[in-house]
Amino acid sequence: MAYEIKQSPLDTEPDVAIGIGLPMGTSYGSGFKLTYATIDQAVANSKNLLFTNHGERPMQPTFGCNLAGVLFENNTELFADTVEETIRNSFEFWLPYIFISKLEVTPNVEDLNRITVDLAIALVGNKFDTRSIQFALDGEITN
């Protein structure tokens, strides 16, 4: 069985930057880290969506996953499902070109006030090239 792998036309040009990566600052003199592949820009867009709360983006008050809004909910058995549903709904609305191949929300056994989110994404149409994003949700989102 043959699979068709779709590649963005911008990915064929190695000297053309597609967007700005995260974190914003670099040590090379310019203030921006540039991305040159569509999947790398999708990772930066995903991090931007994950780490943004509702009301932070001007003119788009519902942009973001609003994980700080669910941070102080009771850590019950349904809490991980709530976080997973929040992430999936935000990606479906704001980043429909990204396919979530894996999303695991794991409560921490040692620290009950912390959960770990493990996310694997790919571009729709090219589900073979995946990237992983992992972070802990504990009041301070770090990657």
N, C-alpha and C. Protein backbone atom coordinates (compact mmCIF):
# COMPACT_ATOMS: atom_id res chain seq x y z
N MET A 1 0.84 -1.17 0.00
CA MET A 1 0.00 0.00 0.00
C MET A 1 0.89 1.23 0.00
N ALA A 2 0.61 2.14 -0.89
CA ALA A 2 1.40 3.37 -1.01
C ALA A 2 0.74 4.50 -0.23
N TYR A 3 1.58 5.33 0.35
CA TYR A 3 1.11 6.50 1.08
C TYR A 3 1.61 7.75 0.39
N GLU A 4 0.74 8.72 0.26
CA GLU A 4 1.14 10.00 -0.30
C GLU A 4 1.51 10.93 0.85
N ILE A 5 2.72 11.43 0.83
CA ILE A 5 3.17 12.36 1.85
C ILE A 5 3.15 13.75 1.25
N LYS A 6 2.34 14.61 1.81
CA LYS A 6 2.24 15.97 1.30
C LYS A 6 3.28 16.83 2.00
N GLN A 7 4.00 17.59 1.21
CA GLN A 7 5.02 18.49 1.75
C GLN A 7 4.67 19.90 1.34
N SER A 8 4.78 20.81 2.29
CA SER A 8 4.51 22.21 2.00
C SER A 8 5.53 22.73 0.99
N PRO A 9 5.10 23.53 0.02
CA PRO A 9 6.06 24.08 -0.95
C PRO A 9 7.13 24.94 -0.29
N LEU A 10 6.82 25.52 0.86
CA LEU A 10 7.81 26.35 1.54
C LEU A 10 8.93 25.51 2.16
N ASP A 11 8.66 24.23 2.42
CA ASP A 11 9.68 23.37 3.02
C ASP A 11 10.80 23.03 2.04
N THR A 12 10.58 23.24 0.76
CA THR A 12 11.60 22.92 -0.24
C THR A 12 12.63 24.04 -0.40
N GLU A 13 12.35 25.19 0.15
CA GLU A 13 13.27 26.33 0.07
C GLU A 13 14.04 26.45 1.39
N PRO A 14 15.30 26.02 1.45
CA PRO A 14 16.02 26.03 2.73
C PRO A 14 16.35 27.41 3.26
N ASP A 15 16.32 28.44 2.42
CA ASP A 15 16.68 29.78 2.85
C ASP A 15 15.48 30.65 3.20
N VAL A 16 14.28 30.12 3.08
CA VAL A 16 13.07 30.90 3.32
C VAL A 16 12.50 30.52 4.69
N ALA A 17 12.48 31.48 5.59
CA ALA A 17 11.92 31.22 6.92
C ALA A 17 10.40 31.24 6.84
N ILE A 18 9.78 30.33 7.56
CA ILE A 18 8.32 30.23 7.55
C ILE A 18 7.70 31.06 8.66
N GLY A 19 8.35 31.10 9.81
CA GLY A 19 7.78 31.85 10.92
C GLY A 19 8.78 32.03 12.04
N ILE A 20 8.26 32.41 13.18
CA ILE A 20 9.08 32.68 14.36
C ILE A 20 8.87 31.56 15.36
N GLY A 21 9.95 30.99 15.84
CA GLY A 21 9.90 29.90 16.81
C GLY A 21 9.85 30.41 18.23
N LEU A 22 9.69 29.49 19.15
CA LEU A 22 9.67 29.82 20.57
C LEU A 22 10.81 29.08 21.25
N PRO A 23 11.48 29.65 22.20
CA PRO A 23 11.34 30.98 22.78
C PRO A 23 11.82 32.05 21.81
N MET A 24 11.36 33.26 22.02
CA MET A 24 11.58 34.35 21.07
C MET A 24 13.04 34.80 21.00
N GLY A 25 13.73 34.91 22.10
CA GLY A 25 15.08 35.46 22.10
C GLY A 25 16.12 34.45 21.67
N THR A 26 17.19 34.93 21.03
CA THR A 26 18.32 34.09 20.65
C THR A 26 19.60 34.77 21.06
N SER A 27 20.68 34.06 20.94
CA SER A 27 21.98 34.65 21.27
C SER A 27 22.73 35.07 20.01
N TYR A 28 22.08 35.08 18.88
CA TYR A 28 22.75 35.40 17.62
C TYR A 28 22.66 36.86 17.24
N GLY A 29 22.13 37.70 18.09
CA GLY A 29 22.05 39.12 17.78
C GLY A 29 20.66 39.54 17.38
N SER A 30 19.95 38.70 16.64
CA SER A 30 18.58 39.06 16.30
C SER A 30 17.68 38.63 17.45
N GLY A 31 16.52 39.22 17.53
CA GLY A 31 15.63 38.91 18.64
C GLY A 31 14.72 37.73 18.38
N PHE A 32 14.85 37.08 17.23
CA PHE A 32 13.91 36.04 16.86
C PHE A 32 14.62 34.77 16.40
N LYS A 33 14.08 33.65 16.82
CA LYS A 33 14.51 32.34 16.33
C LYS A 33 13.57 31.97 15.20
N LEU A 34 14.09 31.80 14.00
CA LEU A 34 13.25 31.53 12.83
C LEU A 34 13.09 30.04 12.62
N THR A 35 11.94 29.65 12.06
CA THR A 35 11.71 28.26 11.70
C THR A 35 11.70 28.15 10.19
N TYR A 36 12.25 27.05 9.69
CA TYR A 36 12.39 26.85 8.25
C TYR A 36 11.59 25.66 7.73
N ALA A 37 10.90 24.95 8.61
CA ALA A 37 10.06 23.81 8.22
C ALA A 37 8.65 24.03 8.78
N THR A 38 7.68 23.57 8.05
CA THR A 38 6.29 23.77 8.45
C THR A 38 5.98 23.07 9.77
N ILE A 39 6.54 21.87 9.97
CA ILE A 39 6.27 21.14 11.21
C ILE A 39 6.88 21.87 12.41
N ASP A 40 8.03 22.50 12.22
CA ASP A 40 8.64 23.26 13.31
C ASP A 40 7.81 24.48 13.66
N GLN A 41 7.23 25.13 12.65
CA GLN A 41 6.35 26.26 12.93
C GLN A 41 5.06 25.79 13.59
N ALA A 42 4.59 24.59 13.24
CA ALA A 42 3.40 24.03 13.88
C ALA A 42 3.66 23.77 15.37
N VAL A 43 4.89 23.36 15.71
CA VAL A 43 5.25 23.17 17.12
C VAL A 43 5.22 24.51 17.85
N ALA A 44 5.77 25.55 17.23
CA ALA A 44 5.77 26.88 17.85
C ALA A 44 4.34 27.39 18.01
N ASN A 45 3.50 27.19 17.00
CA ASN A 45 2.10 27.60 17.10
C ASN A 45 1.36 26.82 18.18
N SER A 46 1.69 25.54 18.32
CA SER A 46 1.06 24.71 19.35
C SER A 46 1.45 25.18 20.75
N LYS A 47 2.72 25.48 20.94
CA LYS A 47 3.16 25.99 22.24
C LYS A 47 2.49 27.32 22.55
N ASN A 48 2.36 28.16 21.54
CA ASN A 48 1.70 29.44 21.73
C ASN A 48 0.25 29.23 22.17
N LEU A 49 -0.44 28.29 21.54
CA LEU A 49 -1.82 27.99 21.90
C LEU A 49 -1.91 27.38 23.30
N LEU A 50 -1.02 26.45 23.61
CA LEU A 50 -1.06 25.77 24.91
C LEU A 50 -0.78 26.72 26.07
N PHE A 51 0.14 27.65 25.88
CA PHE A 51 0.58 28.49 26.98
C PHE A 51 -0.16 29.82 27.06
N THR A 52 -1.19 30.02 26.23
CA THR A 52 -1.97 31.25 26.25
C THR A 52 -3.30 30.99 26.95
N ASN A 53 -3.71 31.93 27.76
CA ASN A 53 -4.98 31.83 28.47
C ASN A 53 -6.00 32.75 27.82
N HIS A 54 -7.25 32.44 28.04
CA HIS A 54 -8.31 33.28 27.46
C HIS A 54 -8.17 34.71 27.97
N GLY A 55 -8.33 35.66 27.04
CA GLY A 55 -8.24 37.07 27.39
C GLY A 55 -6.86 37.67 27.24
N GLU A 56 -5.84 36.87 26.99
CA GLU A 56 -4.49 37.40 26.85
C GLU A 56 -4.22 37.99 25.47
N ARG A 57 -4.87 37.48 24.45
CA ARG A 57 -4.62 37.94 23.09
C ARG A 57 -5.62 39.02 22.73
N PRO A 58 -5.16 40.22 22.39
CA PRO A 58 -6.09 41.29 22.00
C PRO A 58 -6.88 40.91 20.74
N MET A 59 -8.13 41.25 20.72
CA MET A 59 -9.05 41.03 19.62
C MET A 59 -9.41 39.55 19.40
N GLN A 60 -8.83 38.65 20.18
CA GLN A 60 -9.18 37.23 20.12
C GLN A 60 -9.28 36.70 21.55
N PRO A 61 -10.34 37.06 22.27
CA PRO A 61 -10.40 36.74 23.69
C PRO A 61 -10.54 35.25 24.01
N THR A 62 -10.90 34.43 23.03
CA THR A 62 -11.03 33.00 23.31
C THR A 62 -9.83 32.20 22.81
N PHE A 63 -8.78 32.87 22.34
CA PHE A 63 -7.59 32.16 21.86
C PHE A 63 -6.87 31.55 23.05
N GLY A 64 -6.39 30.33 22.90
CA GLY A 64 -5.61 29.66 23.92
C GLY A 64 -6.34 28.48 24.51
N CYS A 65 -5.59 27.68 25.24
CA CYS A 65 -6.17 26.50 25.90
C CYS A 65 -6.70 26.82 27.28
N ASN A 66 -6.36 27.97 27.82
CA ASN A 66 -6.84 28.40 29.13
C ASN A 66 -6.54 27.36 30.21
N LEU A 67 -5.32 26.83 30.19
CA LEU A 67 -4.95 25.82 31.17
C LEU A 67 -4.84 26.40 32.58
N ALA A 68 -4.56 27.69 32.69
CA ALA A 68 -4.55 28.30 34.02
C ALA A 68 -5.96 28.34 34.61
N GLY A 69 -6.97 28.36 33.75
CA GLY A 69 -8.35 28.35 34.21
C GLY A 69 -8.76 27.03 34.84
N VAL A 70 -8.14 25.93 34.40
CA VAL A 70 -8.47 24.62 34.97
C VAL A 70 -7.44 24.19 36.01
N LEU A 71 -6.44 25.01 36.21
CA LEU A 71 -5.34 24.63 37.10
C LEU A 71 -5.79 24.41 38.54
N PHE A 72 -6.75 25.19 39.01
CA PHE A 72 -7.16 25.10 40.40
C PHE A 72 -8.45 24.32 40.59
N GLU A 73 -8.82 23.53 39.59
CA GLU A 73 -9.94 22.61 39.76
C GLU A 73 -9.51 21.47 40.68
N ASN A 74 -10.47 20.77 41.25
CA ASN A 74 -10.14 19.64 42.09
C ASN A 74 -9.50 18.54 41.25
N ASN A 75 -8.43 17.95 41.78
CA ASN A 75 -7.70 16.91 41.08
C ASN A 75 -8.41 15.57 41.28
N THR A 76 -9.51 15.40 40.57
CA THR A 76 -10.27 14.15 40.66
C THR A 76 -9.92 13.28 39.46
N GLU A 77 -10.62 12.18 39.33
CA GLU A 77 -10.39 11.29 38.20
C GLU A 77 -10.78 11.95 36.89
N LEU A 78 -11.71 12.88 36.93
CA LEU A 78 -12.16 13.55 35.72
C LEU A 78 -11.28 14.73 35.32
N PHE A 79 -10.36 15.14 36.19
CA PHE A 79 -9.55 16.32 35.91
C PHE A 79 -8.68 16.13 34.66
N ALA A 80 -8.04 14.97 34.55
CA ALA A 80 -7.19 14.71 33.38
C ALA A 80 -8.03 14.70 32.11
N ASP A 81 -9.23 14.17 32.17
CA ASP A 81 -10.12 14.18 31.01
C ASP A 81 -10.52 15.59 30.63
N THR A 82 -10.74 16.45 31.63
CA THR A 82 -11.10 17.85 31.38
C THR A 82 -9.96 18.57 30.68
N VAL A 83 -8.73 18.36 31.13
CA VAL A 83 -7.56 19.00 30.50
C VAL A 83 -7.40 18.49 29.07
N GLU A 84 -7.55 17.19 28.88
CA GLU A 84 -7.42 16.62 27.54
C GLU A 84 -8.49 17.16 26.59
N GLU A 85 -9.71 17.25 27.06
CA GLU A 85 -10.80 17.78 26.24
C GLU A 85 -10.57 19.25 25.91
N THR A 86 -10.07 20.02 26.87
CA THR A 86 -9.78 21.43 26.64
C THR A 86 -8.72 21.60 25.55
N ILE A 87 -7.67 20.80 25.62
CA ILE A 87 -6.59 20.89 24.63
C ILE A 87 -7.10 20.48 23.25
N ARG A 88 -7.83 19.38 23.17
CA ARG A 88 -8.34 18.90 21.88
C ARG A 88 -9.30 19.90 21.24
N ASN A 89 -10.20 20.47 22.04
CA ASN A 89 -11.14 21.46 21.50
C ASN A 89 -10.43 22.70 20.99
N SER A 90 -9.42 23.16 21.71
CA SER A 90 -8.67 24.35 21.29
C SER A 90 -7.91 24.10 20.00
N PHE A 91 -7.28 22.93 19.89
CA PHE A 91 -6.55 22.60 18.67
C PHE A 91 -7.51 22.45 17.49
N GLU A 92 -8.66 21.85 17.73
CA GLU A 92 -9.63 21.65 16.66
C GLU A 92 -10.13 22.99 16.12
N PHE A 93 -10.30 23.96 16.99
CA PHE A 93 -10.82 25.26 16.57
C PHE A 93 -9.73 26.16 15.99
N TRP A 94 -8.59 26.30 16.71
CA TRP A 94 -7.58 27.28 16.34
C TRP A 94 -6.51 26.74 15.40
N LEU A 95 -6.18 25.47 15.50
CA LEU A 95 -5.12 24.90 14.66
C LEU A 95 -5.62 23.63 13.97
N PRO A 96 -6.58 23.76 13.05
CA PRO A 96 -7.15 22.56 12.43
C PRO A 96 -6.19 21.83 11.50
N TYR A 97 -5.08 22.42 11.14
CA TYR A 97 -4.10 21.77 10.26
C TYR A 97 -3.15 20.87 11.03
N ILE A 98 -3.31 20.80 12.36
CA ILE A 98 -2.46 19.97 13.19
C ILE A 98 -3.25 18.75 13.65
N PHE A 99 -2.66 17.58 13.48
CA PHE A 99 -3.24 16.32 13.91
C PHE A 99 -2.57 15.90 15.22
N ILE A 100 -3.36 15.66 16.25
CA ILE A 100 -2.82 15.20 17.53
C ILE A 100 -2.79 13.68 17.50
N SER A 101 -1.59 13.11 17.42
CA SER A 101 -1.48 11.66 17.36
C SER A 101 -1.40 11.03 18.74
N LYS A 102 -0.95 11.80 19.72
CA LYS A 102 -0.90 11.28 21.09
C LYS A 102 -1.12 12.43 22.05
N LEU A 103 -1.99 12.22 23.01
CA LEU A 103 -2.22 13.21 24.07
C LEU A 103 -2.44 12.45 25.37
N GLU A 104 -1.47 12.56 26.26
CA GLU A 104 -1.55 11.89 27.56
C GLU A 104 -1.45 12.93 28.66
N VAL A 105 -2.43 12.94 29.52
CA VAL A 105 -2.43 13.81 30.69
C VAL A 105 -2.29 12.90 31.90
N THR A 106 -1.15 13.04 32.60
CA THR A 106 -0.83 12.11 33.68
C THR A 106 -0.69 12.86 35.00
N PRO A 107 -1.52 12.54 35.99
CA PRO A 107 -1.33 13.14 37.31
C PRO A 107 -0.03 12.64 37.94
N ASN A 108 0.63 13.51 38.66
CA ASN A 108 1.88 13.15 39.33
C ASN A 108 1.55 12.47 40.65
N VAL A 109 2.13 11.32 40.90
CA VAL A 109 1.85 10.56 42.13
C VAL A 109 2.52 11.22 43.33
N GLU A 110 3.72 11.78 43.14
CA GLU A 110 4.45 12.38 44.25
C GLU A 110 3.93 13.76 44.61
N ASP A 111 3.55 14.54 43.60
CA ASP A 111 3.05 15.89 43.82
C ASP A 111 1.64 15.98 43.26
N LEU A 112 0.64 15.98 44.12
CA LEU A 112 -0.75 15.94 43.68
C LEU A 112 -1.19 17.24 43.02
N ASN A 113 -0.39 18.30 43.13
CA ASN A 113 -0.72 19.59 42.51
C ASN A 113 -0.08 19.75 41.14
N ARG A 114 0.37 18.67 40.55
CA ARG A 114 1.07 18.75 39.26
C ARG A 114 0.57 17.63 38.35
N ILE A 115 0.39 17.98 37.09
CA ILE A 115 0.12 16.98 36.07
C ILE A 115 1.10 17.18 34.92
N THR A 116 1.37 16.12 34.21
CA THR A 116 2.28 16.16 33.08
C THR A 116 1.48 15.93 31.81
N VAL A 117 1.73 16.75 30.80
CA VAL A 117 1.05 16.63 29.52
C VAL A 117 2.09 16.23 28.48
N ASP A 118 1.83 15.14 27.78
CA ASP A 118 2.70 14.64 26.72
C ASP A 118 1.88 14.64 25.44
N LEU A 119 2.34 15.42 24.46
CA LEU A 119 1.57 15.66 23.25
C LEU A 119 2.46 15.37 22.04
N ALA A 120 1.95 14.59 21.09
CA ALA A 120 2.65 14.35 19.83
C ALA A 120 1.77 14.87 18.72
N ILE A 121 2.36 15.73 17.86
CA ILE A 121 1.57 16.35 16.79
C ILE A 121 2.21 16.07 15.44
N ALA A 122 1.38 16.16 14.42
CA ALA A 122 1.82 16.06 13.04
C ALA A 122 0.92 16.97 12.21
N LEU A 123 1.34 17.23 11.00
CA LEU A 123 0.51 18.02 10.09
C LEU A 123 -0.52 17.11 9.44
N VAL A 124 -1.71 17.61 9.23
CA VAL A 124 -2.73 16.85 8.53
C VAL A 124 -2.22 16.64 7.11
N GLY A 125 -2.22 15.41 6.65
CA GLY A 125 -1.70 15.08 5.34
C GLY A 125 -0.29 14.52 5.39
N ASN A 126 0.40 14.69 6.51
CA ASN A 126 1.73 14.12 6.70
C ASN A 126 1.84 13.64 8.14
N LYS A 127 1.25 12.51 8.42
CA LYS A 127 1.20 12.01 9.79
C LYS A 127 2.43 11.18 10.17
N PHE A 128 3.43 11.14 9.27
CA PHE A 128 4.63 10.37 9.55
C PHE A 128 5.69 11.21 10.26
N ASP A 129 5.73 12.50 9.97
CA ASP A 129 6.69 13.41 10.59
C ASP A 129 6.03 14.03 11.82
N THR A 130 6.34 13.50 12.98
CA THR A 130 5.71 13.97 14.22
C THR A 130 6.73 14.68 15.10
N ARG A 131 6.22 15.53 15.95
CA ARG A 131 7.04 16.21 16.96
C ARG A 131 6.36 16.04 18.31
N SER A 132 7.15 16.06 19.35
CA SER A 132 6.64 15.85 20.70
C SER A 132 6.77 17.13 21.52
N ILE A 133 5.75 17.40 22.31
CA ILE A 133 5.75 18.53 23.24
C ILE A 133 5.39 17.98 24.61
N GLN A 134 6.22 18.25 25.60
CA GLN A 134 5.96 17.79 26.96
C GLN A 134 6.11 18.96 27.90
N PHE A 135 5.17 19.06 28.85
CA PHE A 135 5.27 20.10 29.85
C PHE A 135 4.50 19.68 31.09
N ALA A 136 4.83 20.32 32.18
CA ALA A 136 4.16 20.07 33.46
C ALA A 136 3.23 21.23 33.75
N LEU A 137 2.06 20.92 34.22
CA LEU A 137 1.08 21.93 34.59
C LEU A 137 1.03 21.98 36.12
N ASP A 138 1.64 23.03 36.68
CA ASP A 138 1.68 23.15 38.14
C ASP A 138 1.68 24.60 38.58
N GLY A 139 1.08 25.45 37.83
CA GLY A 139 1.08 26.88 38.17
C GLY A 139 2.13 27.63 37.41
N GLU A 140 3.19 26.93 37.02
CA GLU A 140 4.26 27.52 36.21
C GLU A 140 4.49 26.59 35.04
N ILE A 141 4.07 27.00 33.86
CA ILE A 141 4.20 26.15 32.69
C ILE A 141 5.59 26.30 32.13
N THR A 142 6.34 25.20 32.10
CA THR A 142 7.69 25.20 31.55
C THR A 142 7.77 24.10 30.53
N ASN A 143 8.74 24.22 29.65
CA ASN A 143 8.91 23.19 28.64
C ASN A 143 10.33 22.70 28.64
